[in-house]
Amino acid sequence: MGEMVERVDEQDHTLGVVDRGEAIRRRWLHRVATTVCREPGGRILVHRRPDHVSRFPGQYNWLVGGAVGVGETYPAAASRELAEELGVHAPTRFLFKYLCRGVISPYWLGLHEAVLNEPVVPDASEVAWRAWLTPVELRAAMHDTAFVPDARDAFDRYQAEKGGPRGSLPRHSALPARPELSP
């Protein structure tokens, strides 16, 4: 049996406990907690997923996160995922949640924010490459770089919440095709 999650309804009320893989296959709603990692200067951490992972291999994301475990809150899951994926322990601030009609399965997405004051030591099985981008650089990179599909909608919602830039910008990526191979 794999990772266990709570199956939830359209109002985010728990219906029962199921295997996450089954929830995805059957397109059952479950919960995912993510965090926007910012440095004190305001830049946002962007990372590329390893080529060997089952979901979205080699694609970029600006969110760090994963499934909310059984009995776990969104903030607790966000903090746990930060520690597991980036090796950091930082307070997270819950911003909002919304029903995401995801590409592979629908889910409730809880979006958090954390300011990282300590070095990031990513788990290589989760993060193949990373860099810090300004919100404007990140918006531009999303136009012509392979980002996890649900990341674009989440970014628009985040920018609306923060009062930052939204909508189309000229196509100019701050990310090379395979940045970890660049000098």
Protein backbone atom coordinates (compact mmCIF):
# COMPACT_ATOMS: atom_id res chain seq x y z
CA MET A 1 0.00 0.00 0.00
CA GLY A 2 1.25 3.50 -0.86
CA GLU A 3 0.85 6.91 0.68
CA MET A 4 -2.48 7.26 2.50
CA VAL A 5 -4.51 10.46 2.14
CA GLU A 6 -7.95 11.68 3.07
CA ARG A 7 -10.47 11.61 0.26
CA VAL A 8 -12.48 14.84 0.48
CA ASP A 9 -15.55 16.40 -1.12
CA GLU A 10 -16.17 19.65 -3.00
CA GLN A 11 -16.24 21.52 0.34
CA ASP A 12 -12.99 19.91 1.55
CA HIS A 13 -14.76 17.69 4.11
CA THR A 14 -13.23 14.27 4.75
CA LEU A 15 -15.04 11.29 3.23
CA GLY A 16 -12.56 8.56 4.11
CA VAL A 17 -8.97 7.35 3.87
CA VAL A 18 -7.61 6.09 0.54
CA ASP A 19 -4.33 5.33 -1.17
CA ARG A 20 -3.05 8.45 -2.97
CA GLY A 21 -2.38 6.48 -6.15
CA GLU A 22 -5.98 5.28 -6.17
CA ALA A 23 -7.24 8.82 -5.51
CA ILE A 24 -5.30 10.03 -8.54
CA ARG A 25 -6.37 7.13 -10.78
CA ARG A 26 -10.03 7.55 -9.86
CA ARG A 27 -9.78 11.37 -9.89
CA TRP A 28 -10.99 11.59 -6.29
CA LEU A 29 -10.45 14.84 -4.47
CA HIS A 30 -7.69 14.85 -1.86
CA ARG A 31 -5.44 17.52 -0.34
CA VAL A 32 -2.07 18.92 -1.40
CA ALA A 33 -0.04 21.48 0.56
CA THR A 34 2.49 23.69 -1.21
CA THR A 35 4.81 26.50 -0.21
CA VAL A 36 6.20 29.48 -2.07
CA CYS A 37 9.77 29.82 -0.83
CA ARG A 38 11.08 33.37 -0.84
CA GLU A 39 14.44 34.72 0.15
CA PRO A 40 14.57 37.88 2.31
CA GLY A 41 15.04 40.00 -0.85
CA GLY A 42 11.77 38.70 -2.31
CA ARG A 43 13.01 36.33 -5.00
CA ILE A 44 11.19 33.02 -5.38
CA LEU A 45 12.81 29.59 -5.40
CA VAL A 46 12.27 27.71 -8.67
CA HIS A 47 13.32 24.10 -9.13
CA ARG A 48 13.38 21.40 -11.77
CA ARG A 49 12.01 17.97 -10.99
CA PRO A 50 14.33 15.01 -11.63
CA ASP A 51 13.92 13.10 -14.88
CA HIS A 52 13.15 9.83 -13.06
CA VAL A 53 10.08 10.90 -11.05
CA SER A 54 6.65 9.54 -11.98
CA ARG A 55 4.80 12.86 -12.10
CA PHE A 56 6.03 15.70 -14.31
CA PRO A 57 9.62 14.49 -14.83
CA GLY A 58 12.08 17.20 -15.84
CA GLN A 59 9.53 19.98 -15.45
CA TYR A 60 9.95 23.16 -13.42
CA ASN A 61 7.93 24.31 -10.43
CA TRP A 62 7.92 27.33 -8.17
CA LEU A 63 6.06 25.48 -5.41
CA VAL A 64 7.41 22.91 -2.97
CA GLY A 65 4.94 20.46 -1.56
CA GLY A 66 3.04 17.23 -1.64
CA ALA A 67 0.05 15.34 -0.33
CA VAL A 68 -1.45 16.15 3.05
CA GLY A 69 -1.30 13.03 5.19
CA VAL A 70 -4.16 11.47 7.12
CA GLY A 71 -5.01 13.67 10.12
CA GLU A 72 -2.48 16.30 9.03
CA THR A 73 -3.32 19.99 8.55
CA TYR A 74 -2.32 21.94 5.45
CA PRO A 75 0.28 24.00 7.40
CA ALA A 76 1.78 20.89 9.05
CA ALA A 77 2.08 19.18 5.66
CA ALA A 78 3.66 22.30 4.14
CA SER A 79 6.29 22.43 6.90
CA ARG A 80 6.99 18.69 6.61
CA GLU A 81 7.44 18.93 2.84
CA LEU A 82 9.88 21.85 3.22
CA ALA A 83 12.01 19.76 5.54
CA GLU A 84 11.82 16.65 3.33
CA GLU A 85 12.44 18.31 -0.03
CA LEU A 86 14.68 21.27 0.83
CA GLY A 87 16.19 20.36 4.20
CA VAL A 88 14.94 23.59 5.80
CA HIS A 89 12.86 24.31 8.87
CA ALA A 90 11.05 27.59 8.40
CA PRO A 91 7.69 28.88 9.55
CA THR A 92 5.04 28.71 6.85
CA ARG A 93 2.14 31.13 6.53
CA PHE A 94 -1.11 29.82 5.10
CA LEU A 95 -2.35 32.11 2.32
CA PHE A 96 -5.35 30.38 0.74
CA LYS A 97 -6.73 27.15 -0.62
CA TYR A 98 -8.70 26.40 -3.74
CA LEU A 99 -10.13 23.50 -5.67
CA CYS A 100 -7.59 22.78 -8.39
CA ARG A 101 -8.88 20.82 -11.38
CA GLY A 102 -5.42 19.34 -11.89
CA VAL A 103 -4.09 17.81 -15.06
CA ILE A 104 -3.71 14.32 -13.57
CA SER A 105 -6.37 14.57 -10.84
CA PRO A 106 -8.41 17.22 -9.02
CA TYR A 107 -7.33 18.23 -5.52
CA TRP A 108 -7.63 20.92 -2.89
CA LEU A 109 -4.45 23.01 -2.98
CA GLY A 110 -3.37 24.80 0.19
CA LEU A 111 -0.84 27.49 -0.69
CA HIS A 112 1.61 28.75 1.93
CA GLU A 113 4.55 31.12 1.95
CA ALA A 114 7.87 30.92 3.79
CA VAL A 115 10.88 33.22 3.93
CA LEU A 116 14.01 31.07 3.95
CA ASN A 117 16.87 32.47 6.00
CA GLU A 118 18.91 29.26 6.03
CA PRO A 119 20.71 27.45 3.22
CA VAL A 120 18.63 25.17 1.03
CA VAL A 121 19.92 21.58 0.96
CA PRO A 122 17.55 19.84 -1.44
CA ASP A 123 16.90 16.13 -1.61
CA ALA A 124 18.36 15.10 -4.99
CA SER A 125 15.51 12.64 -5.50
CA GLU A 126 13.09 15.61 -5.41
CA VAL A 127 15.08 18.53 -6.85
CA ALA A 128 17.46 18.30 -9.84
CA TRP A 129 18.25 22.02 -10.07
CA ARG A 130 17.24 25.26 -8.34
CA ALA A 131 17.56 29.04 -8.67
CA TRP A 132 16.07 32.22 -7.22
CA LEU A 133 13.98 34.37 -9.61
CA THR A 134 12.09 37.62 -9.22
CA PRO A 135 8.32 37.35 -9.74
CA VAL A 136 8.70 39.08 -13.13
CA GLU A 137 11.47 36.66 -14.18
CA LEU A 138 9.35 33.74 -13.03
CA ARG A 139 6.30 34.96 -14.98
CA ALA A 140 8.46 35.28 -18.12
CA ALA A 141 10.01 31.84 -17.62
CA MET A 142 6.56 30.26 -17.44
CA HIS A 143 5.86 31.35 -21.02
CA ASP A 144 8.50 29.21 -22.69
CA THR A 145 9.77 26.73 -20.13
CA ALA A 146 8.18 23.39 -19.24
CA PHE A 147 6.51 24.11 -15.90
CA VAL A 148 4.28 21.69 -14.03
CA PRO A 149 0.89 22.46 -15.66
CA ASP A 150 -1.00 23.41 -12.49
CA ALA A 151 1.78 25.85 -11.50
CA ARG A 152 0.62 28.61 -13.86
CA ASP A 153 -2.88 28.90 -12.40
CA ALA A 154 -1.48 28.77 -8.87
CA PHE A 155 0.97 31.58 -9.75
CA ASP A 156 -1.84 33.77 -11.11
CA ARG A 157 -3.83 33.22 -7.92
CA TYR A 158 -0.76 33.92 -5.77
CA GLN A 159 0.01 37.14 -7.65
CA ALA A 160 -3.62 38.25 -7.26
CA GLU A 161 -3.38 37.58 -3.51
CA LYS A 162 -0.08 39.49 -3.25
CA GLY A 163 -1.06 42.29 -5.64
CA GLY A 164 1.82 41.45 -8.00
CA PRO A 165 2.13 41.31 -11.79
CA ARG A 166 -0.30 39.06 -13.63
CA GLY A 167 -1.13 38.23 -17.20
CA SER A 168 1.07 38.03 -20.25
CA LEU A 169 4.58 39.38 -20.43
CA PRO A 170 6.98 39.27 -23.36
CA ARG A 171 8.45 35.83 -23.93
CA HIS A 172 11.86 35.86 -22.32
CA SER A 173 12.92 32.99 -20.15
CA ALA A 174 15.26 33.45 -17.22
CA LEU A 175 15.91 29.69 -17.37
CA PRO A 176 18.09 27.91 -19.91
CA ALA A 177 16.68 24.65 -21.29
CA ARG A 178 18.77 22.50 -18.93
CA PRO A 179 20.30 24.94 -16.42
CA GLU A 180 22.12 22.27 -14.44
CA LEU A 181 24.23 21.63 -17.56
CA SER A 182 25.15 25.30 -18.07
CA PRO A 183 28.61 26.54 -17.07
